[in-house]
Amino acid sequence: MSSRNVYVVDDDDALRHSVEVLLDVAGGFVTRSFASGEAFLDQLAHLEAGCVLLDLNMPGMNGLDVLLKLQQLDGRFETILLTGQGDIGIAVEAMKSGAIDFIEKPYDNRMLLNALANGFSRIEDREREASAIQSARDGIDRLTPREKDVLLGLIDGKANKIIAFELDISPRTVEIYRANLMDKLGVRSVAEAVRIAFAAGLVPVFPK
């Protein structure tokens, strides 16, 4: 990801300022603050993926309300709860609802930075996976219908002769389609081609 966006959602002006100063000194973060959960959610559609530092106890929508709404609306964010002492039970509930960590106030600088590092690692993993899936789909989209038919035959473990018989073409033509599809997918083995087909969703995966 290009920038590490951190969204501080807390009604405490002093806390928002202290987090902004900490992240400015740490470097590499783009920080934006919101004084309420409602203000944050109002801007959600315009925000880039990032980590949300979310206060649990706020007037209006509390942190848990905002977290649940965020999970429904947008999966691009990782949420870290900022909690008061004695809020452990609610913090655990929040983690069951999708928060990745909680930090008690007054927060420890190192703990906060470590939690953010974990959050951004998750976001980057997710973006890499999404990029790989899109790349696989792009590769499959470059195949002709006949090349896809041959690939599906290979996925089923069928020999060239069987594929040729089923498609009513010659084994030599199957070899040509096979060479073409592997070239288009940029792979050297059938195993690699099969992995791309699964990543692209060409073959439905049924849960056990």
Protein backbone atom coordinates (compact mmCIF):
# COMPACT_ATOMS: atom_id res chain seq x y z
CA MET A 1 0.00 0.00 0.00
CA SER A 2 1.23 3.49 -0.82
CA SER A 3 0.63 5.24 2.53
CA ARG A 4 -0.16 4.08 6.03
CA ASN A 5 -3.40 5.87 6.86
CA VAL A 6 -4.42 6.05 10.50
CA TYR A 7 -7.86 7.33 11.53
CA VAL A 8 -8.16 8.42 15.16
CA VAL A 9 -11.81 8.37 16.29
CA ASP A 10 -12.10 9.78 19.82
CA ASP A 11 -14.04 12.60 21.46
CA ASP A 12 -11.00 13.51 23.61
CA ASP A 13 -9.18 16.41 21.89
CA ALA A 14 -6.00 15.90 23.93
CA LEU A 15 -5.80 12.20 23.08
CA ARG A 16 -6.30 12.81 19.37
CA HIS A 17 -3.54 15.42 19.45
CA SER A 18 -1.13 13.18 21.38
CA VAL A 19 -1.63 10.31 18.89
CA GLU A 20 -1.05 12.68 15.98
CA VAL A 21 2.21 13.90 17.57
CA LEU A 22 3.37 10.32 18.28
CA LEU A 23 2.72 9.17 14.71
CA ASP A 24 4.29 12.30 13.26
CA VAL A 25 7.47 11.64 15.27
CA ALA A 26 7.40 7.91 14.36
CA GLY A 27 7.14 8.88 10.69
CA GLY A 28 5.53 7.13 7.73
CA PHE A 29 1.92 7.67 8.79
CA VAL A 30 -0.85 9.83 7.40
CA THR A 31 -3.12 10.68 10.31
CA ARG A 32 -6.66 12.02 10.26
CA SER A 33 -8.82 12.61 13.33
CA PHE A 34 -12.55 12.51 14.01
CA ALA A 35 -14.30 13.69 17.19
CA SER A 36 -17.16 11.18 16.87
CA GLY A 37 -18.04 7.84 15.35
CA GLU A 38 -20.74 9.52 13.26
CA ALA A 39 -18.23 11.96 11.74
CA PHE A 40 -15.92 9.08 10.82
CA LEU A 41 -18.65 6.97 9.24
CA ASP A 42 -19.93 9.98 7.26
CA GLN A 43 -16.53 10.21 5.53
CA LEU A 44 -15.98 6.46 5.16
CA ALA A 45 -16.63 6.30 1.41
CA HIS A 46 -13.95 8.95 0.79
CA LEU A 47 -11.23 7.36 2.93
CA GLU A 48 -8.40 5.10 1.78
CA ALA A 49 -7.76 1.75 3.46
CA GLY A 50 -6.05 2.01 6.82
CA CYS A 51 -6.09 1.40 10.56
CA VAL A 52 -8.73 2.88 12.83
CA LEU A 53 -7.88 3.81 16.43
CA LEU A 54 -11.36 3.76 17.88
CA ASP A 55 -12.36 4.99 21.34
CA LEU A 56 -14.76 2.63 23.06
CA ASN A 57 -16.59 5.22 25.17
CA MET A 58 -17.94 8.15 23.15
CA PRO A 59 -21.17 10.15 23.26
CA GLY A 60 -23.63 9.11 20.57
CA MET A 61 -22.37 5.98 18.81
CA ASN A 62 -19.88 4.18 21.04
CA GLY A 63 -16.87 2.30 19.71
CA LEU A 64 -18.66 -1.04 19.52
CA ASP A 65 -21.52 0.53 17.52
CA VAL A 66 -19.03 2.09 15.10
CA LEU A 67 -17.08 -1.18 14.78
CA LEU A 68 -20.20 -3.19 13.93
CA LYS A 69 -21.28 -0.59 11.37
CA LEU A 70 -17.78 -0.52 9.89
CA GLN A 71 -17.75 -4.32 9.52
CA GLN A 72 -21.07 -4.16 7.65
CA LEU A 73 -20.06 -1.32 5.33
CA ASP A 74 -16.40 -1.72 4.50
CA GLY A 75 -13.79 -4.48 4.82
CA ARG A 76 -10.75 -2.33 4.02
CA PHE A 77 -10.00 -1.25 7.58
CA GLU A 78 -8.36 -2.82 10.63
CA THR A 79 -9.66 -1.56 13.97
CA ILE A 80 -7.81 -1.14 17.27
CA LEU A 81 -9.93 -0.20 20.31
CA LEU A 82 -8.82 2.45 22.79
CA THR A 83 -10.41 1.50 26.11
CA GLY A 84 -10.62 2.77 29.65
CA GLN A 85 -9.53 0.57 32.52
CA GLY A 86 -12.15 -2.02 33.43
CA ASP A 87 -13.49 -2.31 29.88
CA ILE A 88 -11.83 -5.68 29.23
CA GLY A 89 -15.13 -7.55 28.81
CA ILE A 90 -16.38 -5.09 26.20
CA ALA A 91 -12.98 -5.08 24.49
CA VAL A 92 -13.11 -8.87 24.17
CA GLU A 93 -16.60 -8.55 22.70
CA ALA A 94 -15.20 -6.02 20.21
CA MET A 95 -12.43 -8.43 19.18
CA LYS A 96 -15.07 -11.10 18.55
CA SER A 97 -16.76 -8.52 16.31
CA GLY A 98 -13.62 -7.92 14.25
CA ALA A 99 -11.28 -5.58 16.16
CA ILE A 100 -7.69 -6.83 15.97
CA ASP A 101 -6.49 -5.45 19.30
CA PHE A 102 -7.34 -3.18 22.22
CA ILE A 103 -5.14 -0.78 24.13
CA GLU A 104 -5.92 0.63 27.55
CA LYS A 105 -5.64 4.36 28.20
CA PRO A 106 -3.33 5.96 29.00
CA TYR A 107 -1.80 4.11 26.06
CA ASP A 108 1.79 2.88 25.87
CA ASN A 109 3.52 4.30 22.79
CA ARG A 110 5.27 1.06 21.89
CA MET A 111 2.10 -1.01 22.27
CA LEU A 112 0.20 1.40 20.04
CA LEU A 113 2.88 1.34 17.33
CA ASN A 114 3.09 -2.48 17.50
CA ALA A 115 -0.69 -2.78 17.14
CA LEU A 116 -0.60 -0.48 14.11
CA ALA A 117 2.26 -2.48 12.57
CA ASN A 118 0.14 -5.63 12.94
CA GLY A 119 -2.85 -3.87 11.38
CA PHE A 120 -0.92 -2.66 8.36
CA SER A 121 0.64 -6.10 7.91
CA ARG A 122 -2.88 -7.55 7.67
CA ILE A 123 -3.97 -4.88 5.18
CA GLU A 124 -0.90 -5.48 3.00
CA ASP A 125 -1.48 -9.26 3.06
CA ARG A 126 -5.09 -8.71 2.01
CA GLU A 127 -4.09 -6.34 -0.79
CA ARG A 128 -1.44 -8.79 -2.05
CA GLU A 129 -4.01 -11.57 -2.08
CA ALA A 130 -6.53 -9.39 -3.93
CA SER A 131 -3.86 -8.42 -6.47
CA ALA A 132 -2.94 -12.08 -7.03
CA ILE A 133 -6.60 -13.01 -7.54
CA GLN A 134 -7.08 -10.15 -10.02
CA SER A 135 -3.92 -11.16 -11.88
CA ALA A 136 -5.19 -14.75 -12.10
CA ARG A 137 -8.57 -13.58 -13.40
CA ASP A 138 -6.88 -11.38 -16.00
CA GLY A 139 -4.86 -14.40 -17.17
CA ILE A 140 -7.93 -16.63 -17.44
CA ASP A 141 -9.80 -13.86 -19.31
CA ARG A 142 -7.10 -13.94 -22.00
CA LEU A 143 -7.90 -17.58 -22.80
CA THR A 144 -10.21 -18.52 -25.67
CA PRO A 145 -13.23 -20.73 -24.86
CA ARG A 146 -11.40 -23.75 -26.33
CA GLU A 147 -8.28 -23.06 -24.27
CA LYS A 148 -10.47 -22.92 -21.16
CA ASP A 149 -12.02 -26.26 -22.13
CA VAL A 150 -8.55 -27.80 -22.40
CA LEU A 151 -7.53 -26.26 -19.07
CA LEU A 152 -10.61 -27.71 -17.37
CA GLY A 153 -9.70 -31.10 -18.82
CA LEU A 154 -6.17 -30.78 -17.43
CA ILE A 155 -7.61 -29.80 -14.02
CA ASP A 156 -9.65 -33.01 -14.08
CA GLY A 157 -6.40 -34.91 -14.65
CA LYS A 158 -7.35 -36.09 -18.14
CA ALA A 159 -4.75 -37.09 -20.71
CA ASN A 160 -4.49 -35.16 -23.98
CA LYS A 161 -6.12 -38.05 -25.88
CA ILE A 162 -9.16 -38.05 -23.57
CA ILE A 163 -9.54 -34.27 -23.82
CA ALA A 164 -9.24 -34.53 -27.61
CA PHE A 165 -11.92 -37.22 -27.74
CA GLU A 166 -14.33 -35.26 -25.51
CA LEU A 167 -13.85 -32.01 -27.45
CA ASP A 168 -13.91 -33.80 -30.82
CA ILE A 169 -10.52 -32.41 -31.87
CA SER A 170 -7.15 -34.04 -32.54
CA PRO A 171 -4.60 -34.70 -29.78
CA ARG A 172 -2.20 -32.44 -31.70
CA THR A 173 -4.73 -29.57 -31.49
CA VAL A 174 -5.05 -30.17 -27.75
CA GLU A 175 -1.26 -29.85 -27.47
CA ILE A 176 -1.40 -26.52 -29.32
CA TYR A 177 -4.19 -25.21 -27.07
CA ARG A 178 -2.27 -26.45 -24.03
CA ALA A 179 0.93 -24.66 -25.13
CA ASN A 180 -1.03 -21.49 -25.90
CA LEU A 181 -2.85 -21.38 -22.56
CA MET A 182 0.35 -21.97 -20.60
CA ASP A 183 2.05 -19.21 -22.55
CA LYS A 184 -0.83 -16.79 -21.90
CA LEU A 185 -0.84 -17.65 -18.19
CA GLY A 186 2.95 -17.31 -18.03
CA VAL A 187 3.45 -20.75 -16.51
CA ARG A 188 5.66 -23.73 -17.30
CA SER A 189 3.72 -26.54 -15.66
CA VAL A 190 0.17 -27.80 -15.52
CA ALA A 191 0.32 -27.52 -11.71
CA GLU A 192 0.94 -23.76 -11.97
CA ALA A 193 -1.90 -23.40 -14.48
CA VAL A 194 -4.21 -25.28 -12.10
CA ARG A 195 -3.29 -22.94 -9.21
CA ILE A 196 -4.16 -19.91 -11.33
CA ALA A 197 -7.48 -21.46 -12.37
CA PHE A 198 -8.42 -22.02 -8.72
CA ALA A 199 -7.24 -18.53 -7.68
CA ALA A 200 -9.36 -17.02 -10.45
CA GLY A 201 -12.43 -18.97 -9.36
CA LEU A 202 -12.63 -20.87 -12.67
CA VAL A 203 -13.17 -24.00 -10.62
CA PRO A 204 -15.71 -23.69 -7.77
CA VAL A 205 -14.33 -24.76 -4.40
CA PHE A 206 -16.91 -26.49 -2.24
CA PRO A 207 -16.40 -26.41 1.53
CA LYS A 208 -15.89 -29.79 3.13
